[in-house]
C-alpha atoms as a PDB file:
ATOM      1  CA  MET A   1     -14.440 -14.910  -9.279  1.00  0.00           C
ATOM      2  CA  HIS A   2     -10.855 -15.449 -10.433  1.00  0.00           C
ATOM      3  CA  GLN A   3      -9.733 -19.077 -10.708  1.00  0.00           C
ATOM      4  CA  ASP A   4      -6.907 -18.593  -8.150  1.00  0.00           C
ATOM      5  CA  ILE A   5      -9.269 -17.289  -5.460  1.00  0.00           C
ATOM      6  CA  GLU A   6     -10.512 -19.735  -2.840  1.00  0.00           C
ATOM      7  CA  SER A   7     -13.261 -17.423  -1.592  1.00  0.00           C
ATOM      8  CA  VAL A   8     -14.290 -13.764  -1.539  1.00  0.00           C
ATOM      9  CA  LEU A   9     -13.698 -12.196   1.864  1.00  0.00           C
ATOM     10  CA  MET A  10     -15.036  -8.690   1.077  1.00  0.00           C
ATOM     11  CA  SER A  11     -17.215  -7.906  -1.907  1.00  0.00           C
ATOM     12  CA  GLU A  12     -16.807  -4.783  -3.985  1.00  0.00           C
ATOM     13  CA  ALA A  13     -20.008  -3.379  -2.437  1.00  0.00           C
ATOM     14  CA  ALA A  14     -18.789  -4.071   1.123  1.00  0.00           C
ATOM     15  CA  LEU A  15     -15.475  -2.348   0.366  1.00  0.00           C
ATOM     16  CA  GLN A  16     -17.156   0.749  -1.065  1.00  0.00           C
ATOM     17  CA  LYS A  17     -19.571   0.985   1.878  1.00  0.00           C
ATOM     18  CA  ARG A  18     -16.744   0.750   4.419  1.00  0.00           C
ATOM     19  CA  VAL A  19     -14.546   3.253   2.555  1.00  0.00           C
ATOM     20  CA  ALA A  20     -17.436   5.748   2.606  1.00  0.00           C
ATOM     21  CA  GLU A  21     -17.822   5.222   6.382  1.00  0.00           C
ATOM     22  CA  LEU A  22     -14.086   5.723   6.940  1.00  0.00           C
ATOM     23  CA  GLY A  23     -14.195   8.894   4.811  1.00  0.00           C
ATOM     24  CA  GLU A  24     -17.014  10.282   6.948  1.00  0.00           C
ATOM     25  CA  ALA A  25     -15.170   9.521  10.213  1.00  0.00           C
ATOM     26  CA  ILE A  26     -11.905  11.034   8.961  1.00  0.00           C
ATOM     27  CA  SER A  27     -13.686  14.136   7.652  1.00  0.00           C
ATOM     28  CA  ARG A  28     -15.398  14.593  11.009  1.00  0.00           C
ATOM     29  CA  ASP A  29     -12.150  14.117  12.991  1.00  0.00           C
ATOM     30  CA  TYR A  30     -10.163  16.502  10.789  1.00  0.00           C
ATOM     31  CA  ALA A  31     -12.841  19.204  10.463  1.00  0.00           C
ATOM     32  CA  GLY A  32     -11.142  22.574   9.947  1.00  0.00           C
ATOM     33  CA  LYS A  33      -7.785  20.989   9.116  1.00  0.00           C
ATOM     34  CA  GLU A  34      -5.932  19.913   6.023  1.00  0.00           C
ATOM     35  CA  ILE A  35      -4.619  16.352   5.795  1.00  0.00           C
ATOM     36  CA  LEU A  36      -1.520  15.070   4.095  1.00  0.00           C
ATOM     37  CA  MET A  37      -2.553  11.570   3.075  1.00  0.00           C
ATOM     38  CA  VAL A  38       0.463   9.294   2.754  1.00  0.00           C
ATOM     39  CA  CYS A  39      -0.114   6.243   0.618  1.00  0.00           C
ATOM     40  CA  VAL A  40       2.082   3.277   1.428  1.00  0.00           C
ATOM     41  CA  LEU A  41       2.858   1.879  -2.008  1.00  0.00           C
ATOM     42  CA  ARG A  42       1.983  -0.248  -3.747  1.00  0.00           C
ATOM     43  CA  GLY A  43      -0.799  -2.116  -2.020  1.00  0.00           C
ATOM     44  CA  ALA A  44      -2.733   0.891  -0.695  1.00  0.00           C
ATOM     45  CA  PHE A  45      -3.059   2.867  -3.932  1.00  0.00           C
ATOM     46  CA  ILE A  46      -6.584   1.741  -4.872  1.00  0.00           C
ATOM     47  CA  PHE A  47      -7.862   2.114  -1.301  1.00  0.00           C
ATOM     48  CA  MET A  48      -6.236   5.545  -1.026  1.00  0.00           C
ATOM     49  CA  ALA A  49      -7.821   6.783  -4.261  1.00  0.00           C
ATOM     50  CA  ASP A  50     -11.296   5.736  -3.124  1.00  0.00           C
ATOM     51  CA  LEU A  51     -10.714   7.042   0.408  1.00  0.00           C
ATOM     52  CA  ALA A  52      -9.462  10.438  -0.801  1.00  0.00           C
ATOM     53  CA  ARG A  53     -12.683  10.879  -2.795  1.00  0.00           C
ATOM     54  CA  ALA A  54     -14.732  10.015   0.316  1.00  0.00           C
ATOM     55  CA  ILE A  55     -13.038  12.686   2.478  1.00  0.00           C
ATOM     56  CA  THR A  56     -14.587  16.156   2.457  1.00  0.00           C
ATOM     57  CA  VAL A  57     -11.805  18.193   4.141  1.00  0.00           C
ATOM     58  CA  PRO A  58      -8.851  19.482   2.096  1.00  0.00           C
ATOM     59  CA  VAL A  59      -6.266  16.813   1.329  1.00  0.00           C
ATOM     60  CA  SER A  60      -2.890  16.684  -0.291  1.00  0.00           C
ATOM     61  CA  ILE A  61      -1.292  13.414  -1.235  1.00  0.00           C
ATOM     62  CA  ASP A  62       2.181  11.958  -1.060  1.00  0.00           C
ATOM     63  CA  PHE A  63       3.575   8.476  -1.436  1.00  0.00           C
ATOM     64  CA  MET A  64       6.095   6.332   0.359  1.00  0.00           C
ATOM     65  CA  ALA A  65       7.314   2.970  -0.799  1.00  0.00           C
ATOM     66  CA  VAL A  66       8.746   0.556   1.703  1.00  0.00           C
ATOM     67  CA  SER A  67       9.689  -3.067   1.370  1.00  0.00           C
ATOM     68  CA  SER A  68       9.828  -5.917   3.834  1.00  0.00           C
ATOM     69  CA  TYR A  69       8.189  -8.729   1.891  1.00  0.00           C
ATOM     70  CA  GLY A  70       9.965  -9.108  -1.451  1.00  0.00           C
ATOM     71  CA  ALA A  71       8.310 -12.073  -3.207  1.00  0.00           C
ATOM     72  CA  SER A  72       7.546 -13.780   0.102  1.00  0.00           C
ATOM     73  CA  THR A  73       4.202 -14.183   1.830  1.00  0.00           C
ATOM     74  CA  THR A  74       5.551 -13.020   5.205  1.00  0.00           C
ATOM     75  CA  SER A  75       7.399  -9.899   6.314  1.00  0.00           C
ATOM     76  CA  SER A  76      11.132 -10.253   6.770  1.00  0.00           C
ATOM     77  CA  GLY A  77      11.093  -7.529   9.428  1.00  0.00           C
ATOM     78  CA  VAL A  78      13.892  -5.710   7.587  1.00  0.00           C
ATOM     79  CA  VAL A  79      12.388  -2.500   6.261  1.00  0.00           C
ATOM     80  CA  ARG A  80      13.786  -0.446   3.401  1.00  0.00           C
ATOM     81  CA  ILE A  81      12.426   2.943   2.340  1.00  0.00           C
ATOM     82  CA  ILE A  82      12.388   2.798  -1.439  1.00  0.00           C
ATOM     83  CA  LYS A  83      10.569   6.102  -2.038  1.00  0.00           C
ATOM     84  CA  ASP A  84      10.435   8.882   0.530  1.00  0.00           C
ATOM     85  CA  PHE A  85       8.226  11.988   0.767  1.00  0.00           C
ATOM     86  CA  ASP A  86       8.436  14.595  -1.976  1.00  0.00           C
ATOM     87  CA  GLU A  87       7.971  17.443   0.521  1.00  0.00           C
ATOM     88  CA  ALA A  88       8.663  18.247   4.171  1.00  0.00           C
ATOM     89  CA  VAL A  89       6.022  17.019   6.626  1.00  0.00           C
ATOM     90  CA  GLU A  90       6.905  19.136   9.654  1.00  0.00           C
ATOM     91  CA  GLY A  91       3.792  20.725  11.160  1.00  0.00           C
ATOM     92  CA  LYS A  92       1.375  18.795   8.936  1.00  0.00           C
ATOM     93  CA  HIS A  93      -1.450  16.457   9.895  1.00  0.00           C
ATOM     94  CA  ILE A  94      -0.382  13.120   8.470  1.00  0.00           C
ATOM     95  CA  LEU A  95      -2.758  10.275   7.710  1.00  0.00           C
ATOM     96  CA  ILE A  96      -0.861   7.115   6.815  1.00  0.00           C
ATOM     97  CA  VAL A  97      -3.002   4.994   4.498  1.00  0.00           C
ATOM     98  CA  GLU A  98      -2.061   1.321   4.559  1.00  0.00           C
ATOM     99  CA  ASP A  99      -3.557  -1.674   2.797  1.00  0.00           C
ATOM    100  CA  ILE A 100      -2.972  -4.281   5.508  1.00  0.00           C
ATOM    101  CA  ILE A 101      -1.351  -4.460   8.911  1.00  0.00           C
ATOM    102  CA  ASP A 102       0.068  -7.916   9.458  1.00  0.00           C
ATOM    103  CA  SER A 103       3.085  -8.224  11.761  1.00  0.00           C
ATOM    104  CA  GLY A 104       3.110  -4.441  12.294  1.00  0.00           C
ATOM    105  CA  LEU A 105       6.900  -4.342  11.896  1.00  0.00           C
ATOM    106  CA  THR A 106       6.939  -2.334   8.663  1.00  0.00           C
ATOM    107  CA  LEU A 107       4.304   0.139   9.808  1.00  0.00           C
ATOM    108  CA  LYS A 108       5.935   0.662  13.218  1.00  0.00           C
ATOM    109  CA  TYR A 109       9.197   1.534  11.473  1.00  0.00           C
ATOM    110  CA  LEU A 110       7.421   3.896   9.068  1.00  0.00           C
ATOM    111  CA  TYR A 111       5.349   5.480  11.844  1.00  0.00           C
ATOM    112  CA  ASN A 112       8.478   6.192  13.914  1.00  0.00           C
ATOM    113  CA  GLN A 113      10.277   7.613  10.871  1.00  0.00           C
ATOM    114  CA  ILE A 114       7.394  10.015  10.229  1.00  0.00           C
ATOM    115  CA  LEU A 115       7.126  11.011  13.916  1.00  0.00           C
ATOM    116  CA  SER A 116      10.817  11.934  13.914  1.00  0.00           C
ATOM    117  CA  ARG A 117      10.062  14.573  11.271  1.00  0.00           C
ATOM    118  CA  LYS A 118       7.874  16.573  13.678  1.00  0.00           C
ATOM    119  CA  PRO A 119       4.424  16.545  12.051  1.00  0.00           C
ATOM    120  CA  ALA A 120       1.486  18.182  13.847  1.00  0.00           C
ATOM    121  CA  SER A 121      -0.122  14.744  14.149  1.00  0.00           C
ATOM    122  CA  VAL A 122       0.109  11.227  12.736  1.00  0.00           C
ATOM    123  CA  ARG A 123      -2.810   8.841  12.422  1.00  0.00           C
ATOM    124  CA  ILE A 124      -3.089   5.479  10.715  1.00  0.00           C
ATOM    125  CA  CYS A 125      -5.889   4.254   8.482  1.00  0.00           C
ATOM    126  CA  THR A 126      -5.731   0.652   7.336  1.00  0.00           C
ATOM    127  CA  LEU A 127      -8.079  -1.208   5.085  1.00  0.00           C
ATOM    128  CA  LEU A 128      -7.303  -4.596   6.642  1.00  0.00           C
ATOM    129  CA  ASN A 129      -6.036  -5.540  10.076  1.00  0.00           C
ATOM    130  CA  LYS A 130      -4.688  -8.975  11.071  1.00  0.00           C
ATOM    131  CA  PRO A 131      -4.175  -8.690  14.841  1.00  0.00           C
ATOM    132  CA  GLU A 132      -3.444 -12.431  15.189  1.00  0.00           C
ATOM    133  CA  ARG A 133      -0.091 -11.930  13.441  1.00  0.00           C
ATOM    134  CA  ARG A 134       0.987  -8.776  15.291  1.00  0.00           C
ATOM    135  CA  LYS A 135       4.611  -8.654  16.431  1.00  0.00           C
ATOM    136  CA  ALA A 136       4.828  -4.866  16.868  1.00  0.00           C
ATOM    137  CA  GLU A 137       1.979  -2.731  18.141  1.00  0.00           C
ATOM    138  CA  VAL A 138       0.951   0.327  16.158  1.00  0.00           C
ATOM    139  CA  PRO A 139      -1.871   2.781  16.928  1.00  0.00           C
ATOM    140  CA  VAL A 140      -4.605   2.060  14.380  1.00  0.00           C
ATOM    141  CA  ASP A 141      -6.960   5.030  14.323  1.00  0.00           C
ATOM    142  CA  TYR A 142      -9.174   3.918  11.439  1.00  0.00           C
ATOM    143  CA  ASN A 143      -9.709   0.248  10.664  1.00  0.00           C
ATOM    144  CA  GLY A 144     -11.621  -0.962   7.646  1.00  0.00           C
ATOM    145  CA  PHE A 145     -11.910  -4.654   8.475  1.00  0.00           C
ATOM    146  CA  THR A 146     -10.355  -7.064  10.949  1.00  0.00           C
ATOM    147  CA  ILE A 147      -9.607 -10.261   9.082  1.00  0.00           C
ATOM    148  CA  PRO A 148      -8.472 -13.787   9.920  1.00  0.00           C
ATOM    149  CA  ASP A 149      -4.949 -15.017   9.253  1.00  0.00           C
ATOM    150  CA  ALA A 150      -5.353 -15.809   5.548  1.00  0.00           C
ATOM    151  CA  PHE A 151      -3.367 -14.729   2.504  1.00  0.00           C
ATOM    152  CA  VAL A 152      -5.538 -12.122   0.787  1.00  0.00           C
ATOM    153  CA  VAL A 153      -5.296 -10.365  -2.563  1.00  0.00           C
ATOM    154  CA  GLY A 154      -7.318  -7.896  -4.587  1.00  0.00           C
ATOM    155  CA  TYR A 155      -8.259  -4.209  -4.320  1.00  0.00           C
ATOM    156  CA  GLY A 156      -4.566  -3.291  -4.521  1.00  0.00           C
ATOM    157  CA  LEU A 157      -3.130  -6.231  -2.585  1.00  0.00           C
ATOM    158  CA  ASP A 158      -0.982  -8.630  -4.530  1.00  0.00           C
ATOM    159  CA  TYR A 159       0.978 -11.822  -4.616  1.00  0.00           C
ATOM    160  CA  ALA A 160       4.059 -11.591  -6.861  1.00  0.00           C
ATOM    161  CA  GLU A 161       2.576  -8.399  -8.410  1.00  0.00           C
ATOM    162  CA  LYS A 162      -0.628 -10.170  -9.528  1.00  0.00           C
ATOM    163  CA  TYR A 163      -4.291  -9.814  -8.492  1.00  0.00           C
ATOM    164  CA  ARG A 164      -4.121  -6.085  -7.543  1.00  0.00           C
ATOM    165  CA  ASN A 165      -6.863  -5.298 -10.072  1.00  0.00           C
ATOM    166  CA  LEU A 166      -9.513  -7.562  -8.553  1.00  0.00           C
ATOM    167  CA  PRO A 167     -12.433  -5.366  -7.377  1.00  0.00           C
ATOM    168  CA  TYR A 168     -12.915  -7.457  -4.212  1.00  0.00           C
ATOM    169  CA  ILE A 169     -10.665  -8.971  -1.555  1.00  0.00           C
ATOM    170  CA  GLY A 170     -10.278 -12.684  -1.852  1.00  0.00           C
ATOM    171  CA  ILE A 171      -8.396 -15.457  -0.125  1.00  0.00           C
ATOM    172  CA  LEU A 172      -5.726 -16.805  -2.458  1.00  0.00           C
ATOM    173  CA  LYS A 173      -5.616 -20.569  -2.919  1.00  0.00           C
ATOM    174  CA  PRO A 174      -2.589 -21.903  -1.008  1.00  0.00           C
ATOM    175  CA  SER A 175      -1.536 -23.925  -4.058  1.00  0.00           C
ATOM    176  CA  VAL A 176      -0.824 -20.636  -5.869  1.00  0.00           C
ATOM    177  CA  TYR A 177       1.868 -19.563  -3.406  1.00  0.00           C
ATOM    178  CA  GLY A 178       3.337 -22.978  -2.789  1.00  0.00           C
ATOM    179  CA  GLU A 179       1.500 -24.292   0.270  1.00  0.00           C
ATOM    180  CA  LYS A 180      -0.447 -27.535   0.091  1.00  0.00           C
END
């Protein structure tokens, strides 16, 4: 375990097991269809790669980058699209792949932006869900884990661009991000 981690919340084995289960559910729900998986950068990239390999229906992949955190530990609520789709999404079955839903503000904005582009459908798959912190409701179709209100890193999630490469999800020691 990394020295800045207080405790491991989800082991590598638990993550891989849950990703496989999500892949099975998504494959079943999208049988006979093609999915455009939209990775919300940067935190979801590792989850998305593993999830894409666990899905058995045809997939194409695109990326969006949005920002509402900066170097903070909480969402500002002001969302900026930094990288938009590379192709049109009208008429496509969109699966938004998110690392964590916290306040819901960023994802609600993104969800509404995608809906305005007239896709055939839009569903949301999140690795982690923190309902205690929700300020804006979003329809979560596939949920990896519901977690307590703790600052987590690893498996793509970061603090100040560090810890993304940890193979597990851990709770970051508050002393690392300035809380006593």
